[in-house]
Amino acid sequence: MTKEGNLTEILNRMKKEIIYTKNAPEPIGPYNQAVKIEKTLYISGQIPLVPGKMVLVSNDIEKETIQVMKNLEAILLEANMTFDNVIKTTIFLSDMRNFDKINKVYGRYFNSQQAPARETVEVSNLPKYVRLEISVIACEID
């Protein structure tokens, strides 16, 4: 069997599961809230949208961060995971001057000794002109 054949066979055995919960915002484009492959969960970037109402939390970066974390938590729970399962996060900010406030709220959700890997990036703009977006990779831990 060729290398390409082996790869195709492996990919065909991998189970791709779409994760969806009404307790997190509906996607605002052609993507899913999360995709789970085998034991790894890939959560799409979450912004401070209130589920169901689809209104933005704004004008208070700490409240905005709390809403983003609530959205992430709802998706994690739907996949039978918690923030303890998170292995990597990416934080996108429209203004790095908000870093300290966001970091303080974000830090409440993780055990500092077991915190995930992370990068924080300042960008020129984000969907719906929000000030932050966070995406997550989580994994079932044996």
C-alpha atoms as a PDB file:
ATOM      1  CA  MET A   1       0.000   0.000   0.000  1.00  0.00           C
ATOM      2  CA  THR A   2       1.267   3.483  -0.835  1.00  0.00           C
ATOM      3  CA  LYS A   3       1.883   6.196   1.756  1.00  0.00           C
ATOM      4  CA  GLU A   4      -1.132   8.058   0.352  1.00  0.00           C
ATOM      5  CA  GLY A   5      -3.258   4.916   0.762  1.00  0.00           C
ATOM      6  CA  ASN A   6      -2.172   4.520   4.390  1.00  0.00           C
ATOM      7  CA  LEU A   7      -3.002   8.155   5.119  1.00  0.00           C
ATOM      8  CA  THR A   8      -6.428   7.843   3.493  1.00  0.00           C
ATOM      9  CA  GLU A   9      -7.161   4.710   5.531  1.00  0.00           C
ATOM     10  CA  ILE A  10      -6.159   6.445   8.768  1.00  0.00           C
ATOM     11  CA  LEU A  11      -8.259   9.525   7.969  1.00  0.00           C
ATOM     12  CA  ASN A  12     -11.269   7.362   7.121  1.00  0.00           C
ATOM     13  CA  ARG A  13     -11.049   5.681  10.544  1.00  0.00           C
ATOM     14  CA  MET A  14     -10.967   9.009  12.387  1.00  0.00           C
ATOM     15  CA  LYS A  15     -14.372  10.046  13.641  1.00  0.00           C
ATOM     16  CA  LYS A  16     -15.331  13.687  13.070  1.00  0.00           C
ATOM     17  CA  GLU A  17     -18.103  14.880  15.377  1.00  0.00           C
ATOM     18  CA  ILE A  18     -19.767  18.297  15.188  1.00  0.00           C
ATOM     19  CA  ILE A  19     -20.362  19.774  18.649  1.00  0.00           C
ATOM     20  CA  TYR A  20     -23.306  22.130  19.039  1.00  0.00           C
ATOM     21  CA  THR A  21     -25.086  23.659  22.023  1.00  0.00           C
ATOM     22  CA  LYS A  22     -27.848  26.238  22.254  1.00  0.00           C
ATOM     23  CA  ASN A  23     -25.981  27.536  25.328  1.00  0.00           C
ATOM     24  CA  ALA A  24     -23.375  29.186  23.100  1.00  0.00           C
ATOM     25  CA  PRO A  25     -23.905  31.647  20.248  1.00  0.00           C
ATOM     26  CA  GLU A  26     -25.004  30.376  16.862  1.00  0.00           C
ATOM     27  CA  PRO A  27     -22.176  30.552  14.318  1.00  0.00           C
ATOM     28  CA  ILE A  28     -22.278  33.781  12.317  1.00  0.00           C
ATOM     29  CA  GLY A  29     -20.778  32.184   9.213  1.00  0.00           C
ATOM     30  CA  PRO A  30     -20.127  28.842   7.517  1.00  0.00           C
ATOM     31  CA  TYR A  31     -18.486  27.083  10.472  1.00  0.00           C
ATOM     32  CA  ASN A  32     -19.421  25.057  13.568  1.00  0.00           C
ATOM     33  CA  GLN A  33     -19.092  25.921  17.230  1.00  0.00           C
ATOM     34  CA  ALA A  34     -16.663  23.021  17.593  1.00  0.00           C
ATOM     35  CA  VAL A  35     -15.380  19.896  15.899  1.00  0.00           C
ATOM     36  CA  LYS A  36     -14.149  16.841  17.780  1.00  0.00           C
ATOM     37  CA  ILE A  37     -11.805  14.370  16.147  1.00  0.00           C
ATOM     38  CA  GLU A  38     -10.971  11.340  18.239  1.00  0.00           C
ATOM     39  CA  LYS A  39     -10.109  12.825  21.673  1.00  0.00           C
ATOM     40  CA  THR A  40      -9.334  16.356  20.505  1.00  0.00           C
ATOM     41  CA  LEU A  41     -11.849  19.216  20.489  1.00  0.00           C
ATOM     42  CA  TYR A  42     -11.328  22.303  18.324  1.00  0.00           C
ATOM     43  CA  ILE A  43     -13.533  25.204  19.447  1.00  0.00           C
ATOM     44  CA  SER A  44     -14.094  28.059  17.021  1.00  0.00           C
ATOM     45  CA  GLY A  45     -13.248  31.546  18.182  1.00  0.00           C
ATOM     46  CA  GLN A  46     -15.856  32.903  20.570  1.00  0.00           C
ATOM     47  CA  ILE A  47     -16.791  36.555  20.864  1.00  0.00           C
ATOM     48  CA  PRO A  48     -18.923  38.216  23.581  1.00  0.00           C
ATOM     49  CA  LEU A  49     -22.286  37.290  22.063  1.00  0.00           C
ATOM     50  CA  VAL A  50     -25.102  36.334  24.428  1.00  0.00           C
ATOM     51  CA  PRO A  51     -26.540  32.962  23.329  1.00  0.00           C
ATOM     52  CA  GLY A  52     -30.149  33.015  22.184  1.00  0.00           C
ATOM     53  CA  LYS A  53     -30.310  36.794  22.052  1.00  0.00           C
ATOM     54  CA  MET A  54     -27.279  37.185  19.790  1.00  0.00           C
ATOM     55  CA  VAL A  55     -26.572  40.600  21.289  1.00  0.00           C
ATOM     56  CA  LEU A  56     -23.066  41.708  22.139  1.00  0.00           C
ATOM     57  CA  VAL A  57     -21.791  42.441  25.618  1.00  0.00           C
ATOM     58  CA  SER A  58     -19.845  45.658  25.145  1.00  0.00           C
ATOM     59  CA  ASN A  59     -18.398  48.736  26.853  1.00  0.00           C
ATOM     60  CA  ASP A  60     -16.795  46.696  29.680  1.00  0.00           C
ATOM     61  CA  ILE A  61     -13.823  44.531  28.663  1.00  0.00           C
ATOM     62  CA  GLU A  62     -14.054  42.419  31.823  1.00  0.00           C
ATOM     63  CA  LYS A  63     -17.739  41.590  31.211  1.00  0.00           C
ATOM     64  CA  GLU A  64     -16.950  40.929  27.559  1.00  0.00           C
ATOM     65  CA  THR A  65     -14.232  38.460  28.598  1.00  0.00           C
ATOM     66  CA  ILE A  66     -16.574  36.731  31.053  1.00  0.00           C
ATOM     67  CA  GLN A  67     -19.135  36.248  28.263  1.00  0.00           C
ATOM     68  CA  VAL A  68     -16.507  34.782  25.947  1.00  0.00           C
ATOM     69  CA  MET A  69     -15.408  32.375  28.692  1.00  0.00           C
ATOM     70  CA  LYS A  70     -19.044  31.394  29.382  1.00  0.00           C
ATOM     71  CA  ASN A  71     -19.496  30.638  25.687  1.00  0.00           C
ATOM     72  CA  LEU A  72     -16.354  28.502  25.638  1.00  0.00           C
ATOM     73  CA  GLU A  73     -17.434  26.704  28.814  1.00  0.00           C
ATOM     74  CA  ALA A  74     -20.856  25.862  27.331  1.00  0.00           C
ATOM     75  CA  ILE A  75     -19.194  24.239  24.318  1.00  0.00           C
ATOM     76  CA  LEU A  76     -16.689  22.380  26.492  1.00  0.00           C
ATOM     77  CA  LEU A  77     -19.522  21.032  28.656  1.00  0.00           C
ATOM     78  CA  GLU A  78     -21.458  19.890  25.574  1.00  0.00           C
ATOM     79  CA  ALA A  79     -18.372  17.836  24.667  1.00  0.00           C
ATOM     80  CA  ASN A  80     -18.170  16.479  28.258  1.00  0.00           C
ATOM     81  CA  MET A  81     -15.073  18.539  29.010  1.00  0.00           C
ATOM     82  CA  THR A  82     -14.085  21.438  31.263  1.00  0.00           C
ATOM     83  CA  PHE A  83     -11.391  24.094  31.242  1.00  0.00           C
ATOM     84  CA  ASP A  84      -9.133  21.415  32.787  1.00  0.00           C
ATOM     85  CA  ASN A  85      -9.136  19.718  29.367  1.00  0.00           C
ATOM     86  CA  VAL A  86      -7.947  22.819  27.521  1.00  0.00           C
ATOM     87  CA  ILE A  87      -4.425  22.406  26.143  1.00  0.00           C
ATOM     88  CA  LYS A  88      -4.133  25.491  23.887  1.00  0.00           C
ATOM     89  CA  THR A  89      -5.827  28.855  23.544  1.00  0.00           C
ATOM     90  CA  THR A  90      -5.475  31.757  21.169  1.00  0.00           C
ATOM     91  CA  ILE A  91      -6.586  35.212  22.250  1.00  0.00           C
ATOM     92  CA  PHE A  92      -7.148  37.868  19.625  1.00  0.00           C
ATOM     93  CA  LEU A  93      -7.334  41.477  20.869  1.00  0.00           C
ATOM     94  CA  SER A  94      -8.079  44.640  18.974  1.00  0.00           C
ATOM     95  CA  ASP A  95      -6.067  46.645  21.523  1.00  0.00           C
ATOM     96  CA  MET A  96      -3.190  45.186  23.544  1.00  0.00           C
ATOM     97  CA  ARG A  97      -3.815  47.825  26.217  1.00  0.00           C
ATOM     98  CA  ASN A  98      -6.727  45.603  27.329  1.00  0.00           C
ATOM     99  CA  PHE A  99      -4.390  42.656  27.908  1.00  0.00           C
ATOM    100  CA  ASP A 100      -4.079  42.981  31.699  1.00  0.00           C
ATOM    101  CA  LYS A 101      -7.840  43.147  32.300  1.00  0.00           C
ATOM    102  CA  ILE A 102      -8.562  40.272  29.928  1.00  0.00           C
ATOM    103  CA  ASN A 103      -5.720  38.199  31.365  1.00  0.00           C
ATOM    104  CA  LYS A 104      -7.037  38.687  34.910  1.00  0.00           C
ATOM    105  CA  VAL A 105     -10.510  37.372  33.993  1.00  0.00           C
ATOM    106  CA  TYR A 106      -9.107  34.596  31.769  1.00  0.00           C
ATOM    107  CA  GLY A 107      -6.839  33.423  34.592  1.00  0.00           C
ATOM    108  CA  ARG A 108      -9.818  32.706  36.872  1.00  0.00           C
ATOM    109  CA  TYR A 109     -10.818  29.810  34.632  1.00  0.00           C
ATOM    110  CA  PHE A 110      -7.525  27.899  34.797  1.00  0.00           C
ATOM    111  CA  ASN A 111      -5.332  26.330  37.434  1.00  0.00           C
ATOM    112  CA  SER A 112      -2.086  28.272  37.007  1.00  0.00           C
ATOM    113  CA  GLN A 113      -0.005  25.090  37.485  1.00  0.00           C
ATOM    114  CA  GLN A 114      -1.904  23.317  34.668  1.00  0.00           C
ATOM    115  CA  ALA A 115      -2.721  26.300  32.444  1.00  0.00           C
ATOM    116  CA  PRO A 116      -2.794  25.645  28.694  1.00  0.00           C
ATOM    117  CA  ALA A 117      -0.312  26.865  26.131  1.00  0.00           C
ATOM    118  CA  ARG A 118      -1.395  30.197  24.681  1.00  0.00           C
ATOM    119  CA  GLU A 119      -0.630  33.034  22.357  1.00  0.00           C
ATOM    120  CA  THR A 120      -2.154  36.480  22.434  1.00  0.00           C
ATOM    121  CA  VAL A 121      -2.250  38.490  19.247  1.00  0.00           C
ATOM    122  CA  GLU A 122      -3.291  42.071  18.564  1.00  0.00           C
ATOM    123  CA  VAL A 123      -5.276  42.347  15.343  1.00  0.00           C
ATOM    124  CA  SER A 124      -6.666  45.315  13.440  1.00  0.00           C
ATOM    125  CA  ASN A 125     -10.261  44.099  13.632  1.00  0.00           C
ATOM    126  CA  LEU A 126     -12.498  41.208  14.689  1.00  0.00           C
ATOM    127  CA  PRO A 127     -15.952  39.933  13.684  1.00  0.00           C
ATOM    128  CA  LYS A 128     -18.767  42.340  14.582  1.00  0.00           C
ATOM    129  CA  TYR A 129     -16.025  44.818  15.599  1.00  0.00           C
ATOM    130  CA  VAL A 130     -15.624  43.213  19.044  1.00  0.00           C
ATOM    131  CA  ARG A 131     -12.539  43.770  21.154  1.00  0.00           C
ATOM    132  CA  LEU A 132     -11.640  40.131  21.798  1.00  0.00           C
ATOM    133  CA  GLU A 133     -12.051  36.616  20.479  1.00  0.00           C
ATOM    134  CA  ILE A 134     -10.744  33.399  22.025  1.00  0.00           C
ATOM    135  CA  SER A 135     -10.377  29.991  20.390  1.00  0.00           C
ATOM    136  CA  VAL A 136      -9.552  26.767  22.214  1.00  0.00           C
ATOM    137  CA  ILE A 137      -8.165  23.291  21.665  1.00  0.00           C
ATOM    138  CA  ALA A 138      -9.066  20.741  24.327  1.00  0.00           C
ATOM    139  CA  CYS A 139      -8.344  17.055  24.723  1.00  0.00           C
ATOM    140  CA  GLU A 140      -9.842  14.167  26.660  1.00  0.00           C
ATOM    141  CA  ILE A 141      -7.360  13.247  29.361  1.00  0.00           C
ATOM    142  CA  ASP A 142      -7.030   9.604  30.382  1.00  0.00           C
END
